[in-house]
C-alpha atoms as a PDB file:
ATOM      1  CA  MET A   1     113.285  65.847  84.684  1.00  0.00           C
ATOM      2  CA  LYS A   2     111.614  69.011  85.739  1.00  0.00           C
ATOM      3  CA  ASN A   3     111.219  69.783  89.536  1.00  0.00           C
ATOM      4  CA  ARG A   4     108.783  72.213  91.164  1.00  0.00           C
ATOM      5  CA  TYR A   5     110.525  75.313  92.647  1.00  0.00           C
ATOM      6  CA  GLU A   6     109.585  78.438  94.545  1.00  0.00           C
ATOM      7  CA  ALA A   7     111.509  81.623  93.882  1.00  0.00           C
ATOM      8  CA  LEU A   8     111.179  84.598  96.227  1.00  0.00           C
ATOM      9  CA  LEU A   9     112.421  87.802  94.734  1.00  0.00           C
ATOM     10  CA  VAL A  10     112.848  91.093  96.583  1.00  0.00           C
ATOM     11  CA  LEU A  11     112.681  93.991  94.209  1.00  0.00           C
ATOM     12  CA  ASN A  12     114.356  97.297  94.386  1.00  0.00           C
ATOM     13  CA  THR A  13     111.767  99.841  93.101  1.00  0.00           C
ATOM     14  CA  GLN A  14     112.954 102.760  95.148  1.00  0.00           C
ATOM     15  CA  GLY A  15     111.816 105.936  93.368  1.00  0.00           C
ATOM     16  CA  LYS A  16     109.678 104.009  90.882  1.00  0.00           C
ATOM     17  CA  GLU A  17     106.872 102.253  92.750  1.00  0.00           C
ATOM     18  CA  ASP A  18     104.434 102.720  89.855  1.00  0.00           C
ATOM     19  CA  THR A  19     106.412 100.336  87.638  1.00  0.00           C
ATOM     20  CA  VAL A  20     106.247  97.215  89.891  1.00  0.00           C
ATOM     21  CA  LYS A  21     103.677  95.515  87.666  1.00  0.00           C
ATOM     22  CA  ASP A  22     105.974  96.090  84.619  1.00  0.00           C
ATOM     23  CA  VAL A  23     109.022  94.659  86.376  1.00  0.00           C
ATOM     24  CA  VAL A  24     107.062  91.638  87.582  1.00  0.00           C
ATOM     25  CA  ASP A  25     105.798  91.044  84.058  1.00  0.00           C
ATOM     26  CA  ARG A  26     109.375  91.330  82.786  1.00  0.00           C
ATOM     27  CA  LEU A  27     110.637  88.916  85.327  1.00  0.00           C
ATOM     28  CA  GLU A  28     107.992  86.461  84.506  1.00  0.00           C
ATOM     29  CA  SER A  29     108.886  86.647  80.781  1.00  0.00           C
ATOM     30  CA  GLU A  30     112.516  85.956  81.693  1.00  0.00           C
ATOM     31  CA  PHE A  31     111.495  82.830  83.601  1.00  0.00           C
ATOM     32  CA  GLN A  32     109.489  81.668  80.490  1.00  0.00           C
ATOM     33  CA  LYS A  33     112.327  82.655  78.234  1.00  0.00           C
ATOM     34  CA  GLU A  34     114.782  80.427  80.132  1.00  0.00           C
ATOM     35  CA  GLY A  35     112.292  77.407  79.751  1.00  0.00           C
ATOM     36  CA  ALA A  36     110.392  77.557  83.178  1.00  0.00           C
ATOM     37  CA  GLU A  37     106.677  76.623  83.331  1.00  0.00           C
ATOM     38  CA  ILE A  38     105.153  79.151  85.663  1.00  0.00           C
ATOM     39  CA  GLU A  39     102.458  77.827  87.938  1.00  0.00           C
ATOM     40  CA  GLN A  40     101.738  80.870  90.064  1.00  0.00           C
ATOM     41  CA  VAL A  41     102.913  84.338  90.690  1.00  0.00           C
ATOM     42  CA  GLN A  42     102.107  86.077  93.975  1.00  0.00           C
ATOM     43  CA  LYS A  43     102.766  89.834  94.443  1.00  0.00           C
ATOM     44  CA  MET A  44     103.100  90.407  98.042  1.00  0.00           C
ATOM     45  CA  ASP A  45     103.456  94.235  98.114  1.00  0.00           C
ATOM     46  CA  LYS A  46     106.039  96.397  99.765  1.00  0.00           C
ATOM     47  CA  ARG A  47     107.345  95.185 103.219  1.00  0.00           C
ATOM     48  CA  PRO A  48     110.001  96.686 105.381  1.00  0.00           C
ATOM     49  CA  PHE A  49     113.047  94.608 106.140  1.00  0.00           C
ATOM     50  CA  ALA A  50     113.371  93.203 109.771  1.00  0.00           C
ATOM     51  CA  TYR A  51     116.895  94.905 109.729  1.00  0.00           C
ATOM     52  CA  VAL A  52     118.616  97.069 107.235  1.00  0.00           C
ATOM     53  CA  ALA A  53     121.697  95.418 105.649  1.00  0.00           C
ATOM     54  CA  GLY A  54     122.245  97.518 102.722  1.00  0.00           C
ATOM     55  CA  GLU A  55     121.118 100.749 101.170  1.00  0.00           C
ATOM     56  CA  LEU A  56     117.309  99.721 101.235  1.00  0.00           C
ATOM     57  CA  ASP A  57     114.994  99.475 104.222  1.00  0.00           C
ATOM     58  CA  ALA A  58     112.128  97.983 102.319  1.00  0.00           C
ATOM     59  CA  GLY A  59     111.376  95.951  99.087  1.00  0.00           C
ATOM     60  CA  HIS A  60     108.472  94.589  97.051  1.00  0.00           C
ATOM     61  CA  TYR A  61     108.126  90.840  97.528  1.00  0.00           C
ATOM     62  CA  VAL A  62     107.238  88.557  94.568  1.00  0.00           C
ATOM     63  CA  ASN A  63     106.954  84.791  94.783  1.00  0.00           C
ATOM     64  CA  PHE A  64     107.064  82.690  91.694  1.00  0.00           C
ATOM     65  CA  ILE A  65     106.198  78.958  91.681  1.00  0.00           C
ATOM     66  CA  PHE A  66     107.403  77.153  88.627  1.00  0.00           C
ATOM     67  CA  HIS A  67     108.617  73.981  87.049  1.00  0.00           C
ATOM     68  CA  ALA A  68     112.174  73.748  85.729  1.00  0.00           C
ATOM     69  CA  ASP A  69     115.245  71.737  85.277  1.00  0.00           C
ATOM     70  CA  PRO A  70     117.687  71.834  88.154  1.00  0.00           C
ATOM     71  CA  GLN A  71     120.469  73.502  86.167  1.00  0.00           C
ATOM     72  CA  LEU A  72     118.178  76.187  85.222  1.00  0.00           C
ATOM     73  CA  ILE A  73     118.197  77.591  88.903  1.00  0.00           C
ATOM     74  CA  VAL A  74     121.907  78.302  88.592  1.00  0.00           C
ATOM     75  CA  LYS A  75     121.247  80.221  85.239  1.00  0.00           C
ATOM     76  CA  LEU A  76     118.459  82.247  86.763  1.00  0.00           C
ATOM     77  CA  ARG A  77     120.524  83.031  89.861  1.00  0.00           C
ATOM     78  CA  ALA A  78     123.292  84.574  87.626  1.00  0.00           C
ATOM     79  CA  LYS A  79     120.956  86.259  85.358  1.00  0.00           C
ATOM     80  CA  PHE A  80     119.097  88.010  88.254  1.00  0.00           C
ATOM     81  CA  LYS A  81     122.122  88.867  90.249  1.00  0.00           C
ATOM     82  CA  LEU A  82     123.088  91.294  87.390  1.00  0.00           C
ATOM     83  CA  ASP A  83     119.618  92.744  87.426  1.00  0.00           C
ATOM     84  CA  PRO A  84     119.654  95.968  89.417  1.00  0.00           C
ATOM     85  CA  GLU A  85     115.900  95.705  90.012  1.00  0.00           C
ATOM     86  CA  VAL A  86     116.246  92.368  91.701  1.00  0.00           C
ATOM     87  CA  TYR A  87     117.630  93.172  95.281  1.00  0.00           C
ATOM     88  CA  ARG A  88     117.522  89.616  96.806  1.00  0.00           C
ATOM     89  CA  GLN A  89     116.535  86.172  95.547  1.00  0.00           C
ATOM     90  CA  HIS A  90     115.871  82.778  97.207  1.00  0.00           C
ATOM     91  CA  TYR A  91     115.021  79.525  95.479  1.00  0.00           C
ATOM     92  CA  GLN A  92     113.600  76.441  97.160  1.00  0.00           C
ATOM     93  CA  LYS A  93     112.667  73.033  95.732  1.00  0.00           C
ATOM     94  CA  LEU A  94     109.053  72.078  96.517  1.00  0.00           C
ATOM     95  CA  ARG A  95     107.334  68.694  96.682  1.00  0.00           C
ATOM     96  CA  GLU A  96     105.263  67.790  93.606  1.00  0.00           C
ATOM     97  CA  LYS A  97     101.644  68.845  93.940  1.00  0.00           C
ATOM     98  CA  LYS A  98      99.465  65.849  94.855  1.00  0.00           C
ATOM     99  CA  GLU A  99      95.904  65.637  93.522  1.00  0.00           C
ATOM    100  CA  GLN A 100      93.437  65.531  96.124  1.00  0.00           C
ATOM    101  CA  PRO A 101      91.166  62.599  96.143  1.00  0.00           C
ATOM    102  CA  ALA A 102      87.414  63.485  95.767  1.00  0.00           C
ATOM    103  CA  LYS A 103      85.727  63.391  99.099  1.00  0.00           C
ATOM    104  CA  LYS A 104      82.679  60.971  99.242  1.00  0.00           C
ATOM    105  CA  ARG A 105      79.475  62.458 100.278  1.00  0.00           C
ATOM    106  CA  VAL A 106      77.942  60.528 103.091  1.00  0.00           C
ATOM    107  CA  ALA A 107      74.163  61.498 103.471  1.00  0.00           C
ATOM    108  CA  ALA A 108      72.984  60.893 107.040  1.00  0.00           C
ATOM    109  CA  GLU A 109      69.630  59.357 106.940  1.00  0.00           C
ATOM    110  CA  LYS A 110      67.420  59.755 109.940  1.00  0.00           C
END
């Protein structure tokens, strides 16, 4: 059964800010190659970190919303941990998207 997930990736693009789009496209293809169905990709630009815990003081944030099997998350974590352009990663299971019922139009007659 496929669940709906959100992956927040922080990219290390220090010295190569012009290649961010290429990195995001490559990561998107990696998700699809592993069997995930991508619903949405949000590029959230470069942001400074609240505190510096490593060699970077800022990173490009990218949010992926996708459908995948639960065991795929472990594979993605291991794969992106070895990727030098992925600085941090966080995965969260989301609720299934509910269809909004169509609102009835009530015409006020006066």
